[in-house]
Amino acid sequence: MASRASESDVWSARREVLDPIREAIPVYSVNLAAVVAVQAALSDLDYLRAYLRQVAESKAMLYAACDRLGLQYWPSRSNFVLVCAGDRADALVNGAFDRGVYIRNRSTEPGCAGCIRIGTGIVEHTRRLVQIMEEVLCGAV
């Protein structure tokens, strides 16, 4: 009669199988559905142009907010901006997360102490993020 594996045995086996896979796949890898969506979006030039206009508007909105809030940033040619919030980075990342918005804390990367990576794309999303930044950093409600 075969014995049942304990829960710890099952987790050990899963780790043995999954750990090598986790080492080979980047943390923020892209799934097949995202690849197909990107290919479709890139083939729709009207959509692509409209999105690029939103990225430019979103970056301008974020730059203005950073200027108002006294945050250093590096102008970007991409759809994200590196912002240095200094000792306020954790409060900003956690405050945004608590409000359902995810921004990446880059503080652990060399030369990026106190920095966060903020995606800029859909204007409505950036507008919401700017509102959150003001709530968290200025105590506005």
Protein backbone atom coordinates (compact mmCIF):
# COMPACT_ATOMS: atom_id res chain seq x y z
CA MET A 1 0.00 0.00 0.00
CA ALA A 2 1.46 3.35 -1.04
CA SER A 3 1.70 6.02 1.58
CA ARG A 4 0.46 9.51 1.01
CA ALA A 5 3.06 12.25 0.67
CA SER A 6 3.03 14.81 3.41
CA GLU A 7 2.33 18.45 2.60
CA SER A 8 5.99 19.34 3.19
CA ASP A 9 7.06 16.60 0.74
CA VAL A 10 4.74 18.04 -1.91
CA TRP A 11 6.12 21.55 -1.41
CA SER A 12 9.69 20.25 -1.57
CA ALA A 13 8.95 18.46 -4.83
CA ARG A 14 7.32 21.56 -6.26
CA ARG A 15 10.35 23.67 -5.30
CA GLU A 16 12.69 21.17 -6.93
CA VAL A 17 10.75 21.45 -10.17
CA LEU A 18 9.93 25.15 -10.07
CA ASP A 19 13.18 26.71 -8.77
CA PRO A 20 15.19 25.98 -11.96
CA ILE A 21 12.33 27.36 -14.04
CA ARG A 22 12.17 30.51 -11.90
CA GLU A 23 15.89 31.04 -12.44
CA ALA A 24 15.46 30.86 -16.23
CA ILE A 25 12.42 33.14 -16.53
CA PRO A 26 12.76 36.88 -15.83
CA VAL A 27 10.67 38.25 -12.98
CA TYR A 28 8.61 40.43 -15.30
CA SER A 29 8.41 38.06 -18.26
CA VAL A 30 5.73 38.52 -20.89
CA ASN A 31 3.14 35.84 -21.54
CA LEU A 32 1.89 34.71 -24.95
CA ALA A 33 -1.34 36.72 -24.73
CA ALA A 34 0.68 39.92 -24.18
CA VAL A 35 2.92 39.11 -27.15
CA VAL A 36 -0.12 38.63 -29.41
CA ALA A 37 -1.69 41.86 -28.12
CA VAL A 38 1.51 43.85 -28.75
CA GLN A 39 1.77 42.49 -32.28
CA ALA A 40 -1.83 43.50 -32.97
CA ALA A 41 -1.34 46.95 -31.45
CA LEU A 42 1.82 47.58 -33.47
CA SER A 43 0.05 46.67 -36.68
CA ASP A 44 -2.66 49.26 -35.96
CA LEU A 45 -0.82 52.51 -36.72
CA ASP A 46 -3.73 54.74 -35.69
CA TYR A 47 -3.81 53.06 -32.28
CA LEU A 48 -0.03 53.26 -31.98
CA ARG A 49 0.03 56.99 -32.78
CA ALA A 50 -2.79 57.67 -30.31
CA TYR A 51 -0.98 55.72 -27.61
CA LEU A 52 2.29 57.57 -28.24
CA ARG A 53 0.41 60.89 -27.90
CA GLN A 54 -0.94 59.69 -24.55
CA VAL A 55 2.56 58.67 -23.43
CA ALA A 56 3.89 62.15 -24.27
CA GLU A 57 0.97 63.84 -22.46
CA SER A 58 1.35 61.51 -19.47
CA LYS A 59 5.08 62.24 -19.19
CA ALA A 60 4.46 65.99 -19.32
CA MET A 61 1.81 65.59 -16.59
CA LEU A 62 4.19 63.51 -14.44
CA TYR A 63 7.10 65.94 -14.95
CA ALA A 64 4.88 68.85 -13.87
CA ALA A 65 3.73 66.92 -10.78
CA CYS A 66 7.32 66.08 -9.86
CA ASP A 67 8.30 69.73 -10.23
CA ARG A 68 5.41 70.78 -7.92
CA LEU A 69 6.25 68.07 -5.38
CA GLY A 70 10.00 68.69 -5.40
CA LEU A 71 10.90 65.29 -6.85
CA GLN A 72 13.90 64.81 -9.09
CA TYR A 73 13.33 62.87 -12.31
CA TRP A 74 15.17 61.96 -15.46
CA PRO A 75 13.41 62.84 -18.72
CA SER A 76 12.69 59.69 -20.66
CA ARG A 77 12.30 58.66 -24.27
CA SER A 78 10.37 55.58 -23.15
CA ASN A 79 6.94 55.03 -21.59
CA PHE A 80 8.28 55.24 -18.04
CA VAL A 81 10.15 57.76 -15.91
CA LEU A 82 12.69 57.23 -13.14
CA VAL A 83 11.75 59.47 -10.21
CA CYS A 84 13.84 60.05 -7.10
CA ALA A 85 11.59 60.45 -4.08
CA GLY A 86 14.47 60.05 -1.62
CA ASP A 87 13.34 59.08 1.85
CA ARG A 88 9.71 59.40 0.67
CA ALA A 89 10.02 56.52 -1.84
CA ASP A 90 8.65 53.82 0.46
CA ALA A 91 5.70 55.99 1.51
CA LEU A 92 4.90 56.70 -2.12
CA VAL A 93 5.20 53.08 -3.27
CA ASN A 94 3.16 51.77 -0.32
CA GLY A 95 0.57 54.56 -0.55
CA ALA A 96 0.04 53.90 -4.24
CA PHE A 97 -0.19 50.15 -3.64
CA ASP A 98 -2.80 50.71 -0.90
CA ARG A 99 -4.85 52.60 -3.51
CA GLY A 100 -4.56 49.89 -6.12
CA VAL A 101 -1.70 51.37 -8.16
CA TYR A 102 1.62 49.59 -8.60
CA ILE A 103 4.82 51.54 -9.11
CA ARG A 104 8.20 49.85 -8.97
CA ASN A 105 10.62 50.65 -6.19
CA ARG A 106 14.13 50.71 -7.69
CA SER A 107 15.91 51.67 -4.46
CA THR A 108 17.87 48.43 -4.29
CA GLU A 109 19.46 48.87 -7.70
CA PRO A 110 22.94 50.43 -7.85
CA GLY A 111 22.78 54.22 -8.06
CA CYS A 112 19.01 54.29 -7.58
CA ALA A 113 18.60 54.83 -3.83
CA GLY A 114 15.19 56.38 -3.23
CA CYS A 115 14.11 55.93 -6.86
CA ILE A 116 10.87 54.60 -8.27
CA ARG A 117 9.93 53.66 -11.83
CA ILE A 118 6.63 55.13 -12.96
CA GLY A 119 4.94 53.94 -16.12
CA THR A 120 3.44 56.64 -18.33
CA GLY A 121 0.85 55.59 -20.85
CA ILE A 122 -2.88 56.08 -20.59
CA VAL A 123 -3.51 59.69 -19.51
CA GLU A 124 -6.36 58.71 -17.19
CA HIS A 125 -4.03 56.33 -15.32
CA THR A 126 -1.33 58.98 -14.98
CA ARG A 127 -3.88 61.50 -13.75
CA ARG A 128 -4.90 59.02 -11.02
CA LEU A 129 -1.26 58.42 -10.08
CA VAL A 130 -0.58 62.16 -9.80
CA GLN A 131 -3.60 62.46 -7.50
CA ILE A 132 -2.21 59.62 -5.36
CA MET A 133 1.26 61.23 -5.27
CA GLU A 134 -0.30 64.46 -3.99
CA GLU A 135 -2.39 62.60 -1.39
CA VAL A 136 0.58 60.61 -0.10
CA LEU A 137 3.25 63.31 -0.22
CA CYS A 138 1.14 66.32 0.73
CA GLY A 139 -1.46 64.67 2.95
CA ALA A 140 -4.27 65.90 0.67
CA VAL A 141 -7.45 63.85 0.81
